[in-house]
Amino acid sequence: QIEKTIVELAKQFPAVVLTGPRQSGK
């Protein structure tokens, strides 16, 4: 469900970081 948000940020910033616990599927 976070996919759309990631794509939008990648269009706004030079870099995007996706954090979260291990094995969450990053």
mmCIF file of all heavy atoms, coordinates in Angstrom:
data_MODEL
# 
_entry.id   MODEL 
# 
loop_
_atom_site.group_PDB 
_atom_site.id 
_atom_site.type_symbol 
_atom_site.label_atom_id 
_atom_site.label_alt_id 
_atom_site.label_comp_id 
_atom_site.label_asym_id 
_atom_site.label_entity_id 
_atom_site.label_seq_id 
_atom_site.pdbx_PDB_ins_code 
_atom_site.Cartn_x 
_atom_site.Cartn_y 
_atom_site.Cartn_z 
_atom_site.occupancy 
_atom_site.B_iso_or_equiv 
_atom_site.pdbx_formal_charge 
_atom_site.auth_seq_id 
_atom_site.auth_comp_id 
_atom_site.auth_asym_id 
_atom_site.auth_atom_id 
_atom_site.pdbx_PDB_model_num 
ATOM 1   N N   . GLN A 1 1  ? 0.809  -1.216  0.000   1.00 0.00 ? 1  GLN A N   1 
ATOM 2   C CA  . GLN A 1 1  ? 0.000  0.000   0.000   1.00 0.00 ? 1  GLN A CA  1 
ATOM 3   C C   . GLN A 1 1  ? 0.845  1.271   0.000   1.00 0.00 ? 1  GLN A C   1 
ATOM 4   O O   . GLN A 1 1  ? 0.348  2.349   -0.317  1.00 0.00 ? 1  GLN A O   1 
ATOM 5   C CB  . GLN A 1 1  ? -0.948 -0.023  1.202   1.00 0.00 ? 1  GLN A CB  1 
ATOM 6   C CG  . GLN A 1 1  ? -2.000 -1.118  1.093   1.00 0.00 ? 1  GLN A CG  1 
ATOM 7   C CD  . GLN A 1 1  ? -2.812 -1.308  2.367   1.00 0.00 ? 1  GLN A CD  1 
ATOM 8   O OE1 . GLN A 1 1  ? -2.600 -0.623  3.361   1.00 0.00 ? 1  GLN A OE1 1 
ATOM 9   N NE2 . GLN A 1 1  ? -3.733 -2.262  2.341   1.00 0.00 ? 1  GLN A NE2 1 
ATOM 10  N N   . ILE A 1 2  ? 2.117  1.142   0.316   1.00 0.00 ? 2  ILE A N   1 
ATOM 11  C CA  . ILE A 1 2  ? 3.006  2.300   0.370   1.00 0.00 ? 2  ILE A CA  1 
ATOM 12  C C   . ILE A 1 2  ? 3.588  2.648   -1.004  1.00 0.00 ? 2  ILE A C   1 
ATOM 13  O O   . ILE A 1 2  ? 4.241  3.680   -1.164  1.00 0.00 ? 2  ILE A O   1 
ATOM 14  C CB  . ILE A 1 2  ? 4.159  2.041   1.378   1.00 0.00 ? 2  ILE A CB  1 
ATOM 15  C CG1 . ILE A 1 2  ? 4.763  3.354   1.878   1.00 0.00 ? 2  ILE A CG1 1 
ATOM 16  C CG2 . ILE A 1 2  ? 5.226  1.126   0.774   1.00 0.00 ? 2  ILE A CG2 1 
ATOM 17  C CD1 . ILE A 1 2  ? 5.776  3.178   3.000   1.00 0.00 ? 2  ILE A CD1 1 
ATOM 18  N N   . GLU A 1 3  ? 3.350  1.810   -2.006  1.00 0.00 ? 3  GLU A N   1 
ATOM 19  C CA  . GLU A 1 3  ? 3.991  1.972   -3.320  1.00 0.00 ? 3  GLU A CA  1 
ATOM 20  C C   . GLU A 1 3  ? 3.763  3.359   -3.923  1.00 0.00 ? 3  GLU A C   1 
ATOM 21  O O   . GLU A 1 3  ? 4.698  4.009   -4.394  1.00 0.00 ? 3  GLU A O   1 
ATOM 22  C CB  . GLU A 1 3  ? 3.497  0.899   -4.285  1.00 0.00 ? 3  GLU A CB  1 
ATOM 23  C CG  . GLU A 1 3  ? 4.017  -0.493  -3.982  1.00 0.00 ? 3  GLU A CG  1 
ATOM 24  C CD  . GLU A 1 3  ? 3.471  -1.540  -4.946  1.00 0.00 ? 3  GLU A CD  1 
ATOM 25  O OE1 . GLU A 1 3  ? 2.812  -1.149  -5.933  1.00 0.00 ? 3  GLU A OE1 1 
ATOM 26  O OE2 . GLU A 1 3  ? 3.708  -2.735  -4.723  1.00 0.00 ? 3  GLU A OE2 1 
ATOM 27  N N   . LYS A 1 4  ? 2.515  3.805   -3.931  1.00 0.00 ? 4  LYS A N   1 
ATOM 28  C CA  . LYS A 1 4  ? 2.189  5.103   -4.532  1.00 0.00 ? 4  LYS A CA  1 
ATOM 29  C C   . LYS A 1 4  ? 2.948  6.227   -3.835  1.00 0.00 ? 4  LYS A C   1 
ATOM 30  O O   . LYS A 1 4  ? 3.458  7.144   -4.490  1.00 0.00 ? 4  LYS A O   1 
ATOM 31  C CB  . LYS A 1 4  ? 0.684  5.344   -4.458  1.00 0.00 ? 4  LYS A CB  1 
ATOM 32  C CG  . LYS A 1 4  ? 0.243  6.658   -5.076  1.00 0.00 ? 4  LYS A CG  1 
ATOM 33  C CD  . LYS A 1 4  ? -1.264 6.837   -4.967  1.00 0.00 ? 4  LYS A CD  1 
ATOM 34  C CE  . LYS A 1 4  ? -1.688 8.183   -5.536  1.00 0.00 ? 4  LYS A CE  1 
ATOM 35  N NZ  . LYS A 1 4  ? -3.164 8.404   -5.407  1.00 0.00 ? 4  LYS A NZ  1 
ATOM 36  N N   . THR A 1 5  ? 3.056  6.146   -2.517  1.00 0.00 ? 5  THR A N   1 
ATOM 37  C CA  . THR A 1 5  ? 3.752  7.185   -1.755  1.00 0.00 ? 5  THR A CA  1 
ATOM 38  C C   . THR A 1 5  ? 5.236  7.214   -2.102  1.00 0.00 ? 5  THR A C   1 
ATOM 39  O O   . THR A 1 5  ? 5.829  8.291   -2.246  1.00 0.00 ? 5  THR A O   1 
ATOM 40  C CB  . THR A 1 5  ? 3.576  6.941   -0.244  1.00 0.00 ? 5  THR A CB  1 
ATOM 41  O OG1 . THR A 1 5  ? 2.190  6.760   0.053   1.00 0.00 ? 5  THR A OG1 1 
ATOM 42  C CG2 . THR A 1 5  ? 4.109  8.108   0.559   1.00 0.00 ? 5  THR A CG2 1 
ATOM 43  N N   . ILE A 1 6  ? 5.848  6.035   -2.246  1.00 0.00 ? 6  ILE A N   1 
ATOM 44  C CA  . ILE A 1 6  ? 7.276  5.976   -2.607  1.00 0.00 ? 6  ILE A CA  1 
ATOM 45  C C   . ILE A 1 6  ? 7.517  6.603   -3.976  1.00 0.00 ? 6  ILE A C   1 
ATOM 46  O O   . ILE A 1 6  ? 8.438  7.403   -4.157  1.00 0.00 ? 6  ILE A O   1 
ATOM 47  C CB  . ILE A 1 6  ? 7.777  4.518   -2.601  1.00 0.00 ? 6  ILE A CB  1 
ATOM 48  C CG1 . ILE A 1 6  ? 7.706  3.920   -1.204  1.00 0.00 ? 6  ILE A CG1 1 
ATOM 49  C CG2 . ILE A 1 6  ? 9.205  4.440   -3.130  1.00 0.00 ? 6  ILE A CG2 1 
ATOM 50  C CD1 . ILE A 1 6  ? 8.036  2.439   -1.155  1.00 0.00 ? 6  ILE A CD1 1 
ATOM 51  N N   . VAL A 1 7  ? 6.697  6.243   -4.938  1.00 0.00 ? 7  VAL A N   1 
ATOM 52  C CA  . VAL A 1 7  ? 6.858  6.765   -6.302  1.00 0.00 ? 7  VAL A CA  1 
ATOM 53  C C   . VAL A 1 7  ? 6.702  8.286   -6.311  1.00 0.00 ? 7  VAL A C   1 
ATOM 54  O O   . VAL A 1 7  ? 7.460  8.999   -6.982  1.00 0.00 ? 7  VAL A O   1 
ATOM 55  C CB  . VAL A 1 7  ? 5.846  6.096   -7.255  1.00 0.00 ? 7  VAL A CB  1 
ATOM 56  C CG1 . VAL A 1 7  ? 5.858  6.783   -8.620  1.00 0.00 ? 7  VAL A CG1 1 
ATOM 57  C CG2 . VAL A 1 7  ? 6.157  4.611   -7.404  1.00 0.00 ? 7  VAL A CG2 1 
ATOM 58  N N   . GLU A 1 8  ? 5.744  8.793   -5.551  1.00 0.00 ? 8  GLU A N   1 
ATOM 59  C CA  . GLU A 1 8  ? 5.538  10.244  -5.483  1.00 0.00 ? 8  GLU A CA  1 
ATOM 60  C C   . GLU A 1 8  ? 6.748  10.950  -4.892  1.00 0.00 ? 8  GLU A C   1 
ATOM 61  O O   . GLU A 1 8  ? 7.179  12.003  -5.388  1.00 0.00 ? 8  GLU A O   1 
ATOM 62  C CB  . GLU A 1 8  ? 4.286  10.552  -4.660  1.00 0.00 ? 8  GLU A CB  1 
ATOM 63  C CG  . GLU A 1 8  ? 2.984  10.195  -5.364  1.00 0.00 ? 8  GLU A CG  1 
ATOM 64  C CD  . GLU A 1 8  ? 1.759  10.428  -4.497  1.00 0.00 ? 8  GLU A CD  1 
ATOM 65  O OE1 . GLU A 1 8  ? 1.937  10.722  -3.291  1.00 0.00 ? 8  GLU A OE1 1 
ATOM 66  O OE2 . GLU A 1 8  ? 0.632  10.309  -5.010  1.00 0.00 ? 8  GLU A OE2 1 
ATOM 67  N N   . LEU A 1 9  ? 7.317  10.381  -3.812  1.00 0.00 ? 9  LEU A N   1 
ATOM 68  C CA  . LEU A 1 9  ? 8.500  10.999  -3.202  1.00 0.00 ? 9  LEU A CA  1 
ATOM 69  C C   . LEU A 1 9  ? 9.700  10.957  -4.135  1.00 0.00 ? 9  LEU A C   1 
ATOM 70  O O   . LEU A 1 9  ? 10.516 11.876  -4.159  1.00 0.00 ? 9  LEU A O   1 
ATOM 71  C CB  . LEU A 1 9  ? 8.841  10.312  -1.880  1.00 0.00 ? 9  LEU A CB  1 
ATOM 72  C CG  . LEU A 1 9  ? 7.989  10.666  -0.663  1.00 0.00 ? 9  LEU A CG  1 
ATOM 73  C CD1 . LEU A 1 9  ? 8.597  10.083  0.600   1.00 0.00 ? 9  LEU A CD1 1 
ATOM 74  C CD2 . LEU A 1 9  ? 7.826  12.167  -0.499  1.00 0.00 ? 9  LEU A CD2 1 
ATOM 75  N N   . ALA A 1 10 ? 9.827  9.861   -4.906  1.00 0.00 ? 10 ALA A N   1 
ATOM 76  C CA  . ALA A 1 10 ? 10.949 9.739   -5.840  1.00 0.00 ? 10 ALA A CA  1 
ATOM 77  C C   . ALA A 1 10 ? 10.872 10.786  -6.951  1.00 0.00 ? 10 ALA A C   1 
ATOM 78  O O   . ALA A 1 10 ? 11.883 11.102  -7.584  1.00 0.00 ? 10 ALA A O   1 
ATOM 79  C CB  . ALA A 1 10 ? 10.984 8.336   -6.441  1.00 0.00 ? 10 ALA A CB  1 
ATOM 80  N N   . LYS A 1 11 ? 9.679  11.330  -7.182  1.00 0.00 ? 11 LYS A N   1 
ATOM 81  C CA  . LYS A 1 11 ? 9.526  12.401  -8.174  1.00 0.00 ? 11 LYS A CA  1 
ATOM 82  C C   . LYS A 1 11 ? 9.795  13.772  -7.573  1.00 0.00 ? 11 LYS A C   1 
ATOM 83  O O   . LYS A 1 11 ? 9.936  14.756  -8.289  1.00 0.00 ? 11 LYS A O   1 
ATOM 84  C CB  . LYS A 1 11 ? 8.109  12.367  -8.754  1.00 0.00 ? 11 LYS A CB  1 
ATOM 85  C CG  . LYS A 1 11 ? 7.808  11.134  -9.594  1.00 0.00 ? 11 LYS A CG  1 
ATOM 86  C CD  . LYS A 1 11 ? 6.354  11.126  -10.054 1.00 0.00 ? 11 LYS A CD  1 
ATOM 87  C CE  . LYS A 1 11 ? 6.041  9.879   -10.874 1.00 0.00 ? 11 LYS A CE  1 
ATOM 88  N NZ  . LYS A 1 11 ? 4.606  9.833   -11.284 1.00 0.00 ? 11 LYS A NZ  1 
ATOM 89  N N   . GLN A 1 12 ? 9.847  13.827  -6.235  1.00 0.00 ? 12 GLN A N   1 
ATOM 90  C CA  . GLN A 1 12 ? 10.017 15.112  -5.545  1.00 0.00 ? 12 GLN A CA  1 
ATOM 91  C C   . GLN A 1 12 ? 11.425 15.339  -5.015  1.00 0.00 ? 12 GLN A C   1 
ATOM 92  O O   . GLN A 1 12 ? 11.870 16.487  -4.912  1.00 0.00 ? 12 GLN A O   1 
ATOM 93  C CB  . GLN A 1 12 ? 9.038  15.200  -4.364  1.00 0.00 ? 12 GLN A CB  1 
ATOM 94  C CG  . GLN A 1 12 ? 7.581  15.161  -4.768  1.00 0.00 ? 12 GLN A CG  1 
ATOM 95  C CD  . GLN A 1 12 ? 6.660  15.097  -3.551  1.00 0.00 ? 12 GLN A CD  1 
ATOM 96  O OE1 . GLN A 1 12 ? 6.993  15.622  -2.489  1.00 0.00 ? 12 GLN A OE1 1 
ATOM 97  N NE2 . GLN A 1 12 ? 5.526  14.443  -3.685  1.00 0.00 ? 12 GLN A NE2 1 
ATOM 98  N N   . PHE A 1 13 ? 12.121 14.252  -4.634  1.00 0.00 ? 13 PHE A N   1 
ATOM 99  C CA  . PHE A 1 13 ? 13.420 14.372  -3.979  1.00 0.00 ? 13 PHE A CA  1 
ATOM 100 C C   . PHE A 1 13 ? 14.513 13.652  -4.779  1.00 0.00 ? 13 PHE A C   1 
ATOM 101 O O   . PHE A 1 13 ? 14.246 12.636  -5.434  1.00 0.00 ? 13 PHE A O   1 
ATOM 102 C CB  . PHE A 1 13 ? 13.366 13.756  -2.578  1.00 0.00 ? 13 PHE A CB  1 
ATOM 103 C CG  . PHE A 1 13 ? 12.503 14.508  -1.609  1.00 0.00 ? 13 PHE A CG  1 
ATOM 104 C CD1 . PHE A 1 13 ? 11.180 14.148  -1.409  1.00 0.00 ? 13 PHE A CD1 1 
ATOM 105 C CD2 . PHE A 1 13 ? 13.016 15.588  -0.902  1.00 0.00 ? 13 PHE A CD2 1 
ATOM 106 C CE1 . PHE A 1 13 ? 10.384 14.831  -0.510  1.00 0.00 ? 13 PHE A CE1 1 
ATOM 107 C CE2 . PHE A 1 13 ? 12.221 16.278  0.003   1.00 0.00 ? 13 PHE A CE2 1 
ATOM 108 C CZ  . PHE A 1 13 ? 10.902 15.908  0.196   1.00 0.00 ? 13 PHE A CZ  1 
ATOM 109 N N   . PRO A 1 14 ? 15.759 14.138  -4.670  1.00 0.00 ? 14 PRO A N   1 
ATOM 110 C CA  . PRO A 1 14 ? 16.883 13.418  -5.284  1.00 0.00 ? 14 PRO A CA  1 
ATOM 111 C C   . PRO A 1 14 ? 17.113 12.042  -4.660  1.00 0.00 ? 14 PRO A C   1 
ATOM 112 O O   . PRO A 1 14 ? 17.611 11.126  -5.312  1.00 0.00 ? 14 PRO A O   1 
ATOM 113 C CB  . PRO A 1 14 ? 18.087 14.334  -5.034  1.00 0.00 ? 14 PRO A CB  1 
ATOM 114 C CG  . PRO A 1 14 ? 17.495 15.681  -4.769  1.00 0.00 ? 14 PRO A CG  1 
ATOM 115 C CD  . PRO A 1 14 ? 16.191 15.425  -4.098  1.00 0.00 ? 14 PRO A CD  1 
ATOM 116 N N   . ALA A 1 15 ? 16.766 11.903  -3.375  1.00 0.00 ? 15 ALA A N   1 
ATOM 117 C CA  . ALA A 1 15 ? 16.965 10.636  -2.670  1.00 0.00 ? 15 ALA A CA  1 
ATOM 118 C C   . ALA A 1 15 ? 15.738 10.307  -1.835  1.00 0.00 ? 15 ALA A C   1 
ATOM 119 O O   . ALA A 1 15 ? 15.062 11.200  -1.320  1.00 0.00 ? 15 ALA A O   1 
ATOM 120 C CB  . ALA A 1 15 ? 18.208 10.698  -1.776  1.00 0.00 ? 15 ALA A CB  1 
ATOM 121 N N   . VAL A 1 16 ? 15.471 9.021   -1.712  1.00 0.00 ? 16 VAL A N   1 
ATOM 122 C CA  . VAL A 1 16 ? 14.384 8.525   -0.872  1.00 0.00 ? 16 VAL A CA  1 
ATOM 123 C C   . VAL A 1 16 ? 14.938 7.393   -0.025  1.00 0.00 ? 16 VAL A C   1 
ATOM 124 O O   . VAL A 1 16 ? 15.680 6.542   -0.537  1.00 0.00 ? 16 VAL A O   1 
ATOM 125 C CB  . VAL A 1 16 ? 13.195 8.000   -1.710  1.00 0.00 ? 16 VAL A CB  1 
ATOM 126 C CG1 . VAL A 1 16 ? 12.137 7.366   -0.813  1.00 0.00 ? 16 VAL A CG1 1 
ATOM 127 C CG2 . VAL A 1 16 ? 12.589 9.120   -2.550  1.00 0.00 ? 16 VAL A CG2 1 
ATOM 128 N N   . VAL A 1 17 ? 14.620 7.388   1.270   1.00 0.00 ? 17 VAL A N   1 
ATOM 129 C CA  . VAL A 1 17 ? 15.038 6.283   2.127   1.00 0.00 ? 17 VAL A CA  1 
ATOM 130 C C   . VAL A 1 17 ? 13.800 5.552   2.634   1.00 0.00 ? 17 VAL A C   1 
ATOM 131 O O   . VAL A 1 17 ? 12.823 6.169   3.041   1.00 0.00 ? 17 VAL A O   1 
ATOM 132 C CB  . VAL A 1 17 ? 15.910 6.747   3.316   1.00 0.00 ? 17 VAL A CB  1 
ATOM 133 C CG1 . VAL A 1 17 ? 15.171 7.712   4.208   1.00 0.00 ? 17 VAL A CG1 1 
ATOM 134 C CG2 . VAL A 1 17 ? 16.410 5.547   4.117   1.00 0.00 ? 17 VAL A CG2 1 
ATOM 135 N N   . LEU A 1 18 ? 13.860 4.241   2.564   1.00 0.00 ? 18 LEU A N   1 
ATOM 136 C CA  . LEU A 1 18 ? 12.794 3.383   3.078   1.00 0.00 ? 18 LEU A CA  1 
ATOM 137 C C   . LEU A 1 18 ? 13.368 2.610   4.253   1.00 0.00 ? 18 LEU A C   1 
ATOM 138 O O   . LEU A 1 18 ? 14.254 1.770   4.097   1.00 0.00 ? 18 LEU A O   1 
ATOM 139 C CB  . LEU A 1 18 ? 12.312 2.417   1.989   1.00 0.00 ? 18 LEU A CB  1 
ATOM 140 C CG  . LEU A 1 18 ? 11.120 1.523   2.351   1.00 0.00 ? 18 LEU A CG  1 
ATOM 141 C CD1 . LEU A 1 18 ? 9.884  2.364   2.637   1.00 0.00 ? 18 LEU A CD1 1 
ATOM 142 C CD2 . LEU A 1 18 ? 10.835 0.523   1.246   1.00 0.00 ? 18 LEU A CD2 1 
ATOM 143 N N   . THR A 1 19 ? 12.891 2.952   5.439   1.00 0.00 ? 19 THR A N   1 
ATOM 144 C CA  . THR A 1 19 ? 13.367 2.282   6.633   1.00 0.00 ? 19 THR A CA  1 
ATOM 145 C C   . THR A 1 19 ? 12.264 1.399   7.194   1.00 0.00 ? 19 THR A C   1 
ATOM 146 O O   . THR A 1 19 ? 11.165 1.343   6.655   1.00 0.00 ? 19 THR A O   1 
ATOM 147 C CB  . THR A 1 19 ? 13.848 3.304   7.680   1.00 0.00 ? 19 THR A CB  1 
ATOM 148 O OG1 . THR A 1 19 ? 14.412 2.621   8.790   1.00 0.00 ? 19 THR A OG1 1 
ATOM 149 C CG2 . THR A 1 19 ? 12.710 4.184   8.157   1.00 0.00 ? 19 THR A CG2 1 
ATOM 150 N N   . GLY A 1 20 ? 12.565 0.701   8.275   1.00 0.00 ? 20 GLY A N   1 
ATOM 151 C CA  . GLY A 1 20 ? 11.612 -0.229  8.861   1.00 0.00 ? 20 GLY A CA  1 
ATOM 152 C C   . GLY A 1 20 ? 12.333 -1.436  9.422   1.00 0.00 ? 20 GLY A C   1 
ATOM 153 O O   . GLY A 1 20 ? 13.542 -1.588  9.241   1.00 0.00 ? 20 GLY A O   1 
ATOM 154 N N   . PRO A 1 21 ? 11.617 -2.322  10.109  1.00 0.00 ? 21 PRO A N   1 
ATOM 155 C CA  . PRO A 1 21 ? 12.268 -3.497  10.706  1.00 0.00 ? 21 PRO A CA  1 
ATOM 156 C C   . PRO A 1 21 ? 12.804 -4.448  9.651   1.00 0.00 ? 21 PRO A C   1 
ATOM 157 O O   . PRO A 1 21 ? 12.357 -4.443  8.496   1.00 0.00 ? 21 PRO A O   1 
ATOM 158 C CB  . PRO A 1 21 ? 11.138 -4.153  11.521  1.00 0.00 ? 21 PRO A CB  1 
ATOM 159 C CG  . PRO A 1 21 ? 9.886  -3.680  10.869  1.00 0.00 ? 21 PRO A CG  1 
ATOM 160 C CD  . PRO A 1 21 ? 10.173 -2.298  10.365  1.00 0.00 ? 21 PRO A CD  1 
ATOM 161 N N   . ARG A 1 22 ? 13.750 -5.264  10.054  1.00 0.00 ? 22 ARG A N   1 
ATOM 162 C CA  . ARG A 1 22 ? 14.270 -6.303  9.151   1.00 0.00 ? 22 ARG A CA  1 
ATOM 163 C C   . ARG A 1 22 ? 13.144 -7.213  8.681   1.00 0.00 ? 22 ARG A C   1 
ATOM 164 O O   . ARG A 1 22 ? 12.214 -7.492  9.420   1.00 0.00 ? 22 ARG A O   1 
ATOM 165 C CB  . ARG A 1 22 ? 15.328 -7.145  9.872   1.00 0.00 ? 22 ARG A CB  1 
ATOM 166 C CG  . ARG A 1 22 ? 16.661 -6.453  9.995   1.00 0.00 ? 22 ARG A CG  1 
ATOM 167 C CD  . ARG A 1 22 ? 17.737 -7.425  10.472  1.00 0.00 ? 22 ARG A CD  1 
ATOM 168 N NE  . ARG A 1 22 ? 19.050 -6.807  10.348  1.00 0.00 ? 22 ARG A NE  1 
ATOM 169 C CZ  . ARG A 1 22 ? 19.769 -6.791  9.243   1.00 0.00 ? 22 ARG A CZ  1 
ATOM 170 N NH1 . ARG A 1 22 ? 19.305 -7.363  8.153   1.00 0.00 ? 22 ARG A NH1 1 
ATOM 171 N NH2 . ARG A 1 22 ? 20.951 -6.215  9.214   1.00 0.00 ? 22 ARG A NH2 1 
ATOM 172 N N   . GLN A 1 23 ? 13.267 -7.660  7.454   1.00 0.00 ? 23 GLN A N   1 
ATOM 173 C CA  . GLN A 1 23 ? 12.335 -8.635  6.876   1.00 0.00 ? 23 GLN A CA  1 
ATOM 174 C C   . GLN A 1 23 ? 10.928 -8.081  6.642   1.00 0.00 ? 23 GLN A C   1 
ATOM 175 O O   . GLN A 1 23 ? 9.978  -8.836  6.463   1.00 0.00 ? 23 GLN A O   1 
ATOM 176 C CB  . GLN A 1 23 ? 12.233 -9.895  7.763   1.00 0.00 ? 23 GLN A CB  1 
ATOM 177 C CG  . GLN A 1 23 ? 13.541 -10.615 7.990   1.00 0.00 ? 23 GLN A CG  1 
ATOM 178 C CD  . GLN A 1 23 ? 14.080 -11.226 6.694   1.00 0.00 ? 23 GLN A CD  1 
ATOM 179 O OE1 . GLN A 1 23 ? 13.353 -11.854 5.947   1.00 0.00 ? 23 GLN A OE1 1 
ATOM 180 N NE2 . GLN A 1 23 ? 15.368 -11.040 6.434   1.00 0.00 ? 23 GLN A NE2 1 
ATOM 181 N N   . SER A 1 24 ? 10.790 -6.760  6.603   1.00 0.00 ? 24 SER A N   1 
ATOM 182 C CA  . SER A 1 24 ? 9.464  -6.198  6.327   1.00 0.00 ? 24 SER A CA  1 
ATOM 183 C C   . SER A 1 24 ? 9.177  -6.100  4.836   1.00 0.00 ? 24 SER A C   1 
ATOM 184 O O   . SER A 1 24 ? 8.063  -5.741  4.447   1.00 0.00 ? 24 SER A O   1 
ATOM 185 C CB  . SER A 1 24 ? 9.311  -4.818  6.983   1.00 0.00 ? 24 SER A CB  1 
ATOM 186 O OG  . SER A 1 24 ? 10.284 -3.913  6.505   1.00 0.00 ? 24 SER A OG  1 
ATOM 187 N N   . GLY A 1 25 ? 10.181 -6.417  4.010   1.00 0.00 ? 25 GLY A N   1 
ATOM 188 C CA  . GLY A 1 25 ? 9.976  -6.457  2.559   1.00 0.00 ? 25 GLY A CA  1 
ATOM 189 C C   . GLY A 1 25 ? 10.516 -5.266  1.805   1.00 0.00 ? 25 GLY A C   1 
ATOM 190 O O   . GLY A 1 25 ? 10.137 -5.020  0.657   1.00 0.00 ? 25 GLY A O   1 
ATOM 191 N N   . LYS A 1 26 ? 11.431 -4.515  2.411   1.00 0.00 ? 26 LYS A N   1 
ATOM 192 C CA  . LYS A 1 26 ? 11.933 -3.287  1.792   1.00 0.00 ? 26 LYS A CA  1 
ATOM 193 C C   . LYS A 1 26 ? 12.644 -3.558  0.465   1.00 0.00 ? 26 LYS A C   1 
ATOM 194 O O   . LYS A 1 26 ? 12.345 -2.928  -0.551  1.00 0.00 ? 26 LYS A O   1 
ATOM 195 C CB  . LYS A 1 26 ? 12.894 -2.578  2.760   1.00 0.00 ? 26 LYS A CB  1 
ATOM 196 C CG  . LYS A 1 26 ? 12.243 -2.141  4.062   1.00 0.00 ? 26 LYS A CG  1 
ATOM 197 C CD  . LYS A 1 26 ? 13.194 -1.369  4.947   1.00 0.00 ? 26 LYS A CD  1 
ATOM 198 C CE  . LYS A 1 26 ? 14.356 -2.200  5.450   1.00 0.00 ? 26 LYS A CE  1 
ATOM 199 N NZ  . LYS A 1 26 ? 13.927 -3.281  6.348   1.00 0.00 ? 26 LYS A NZ  1 
# 
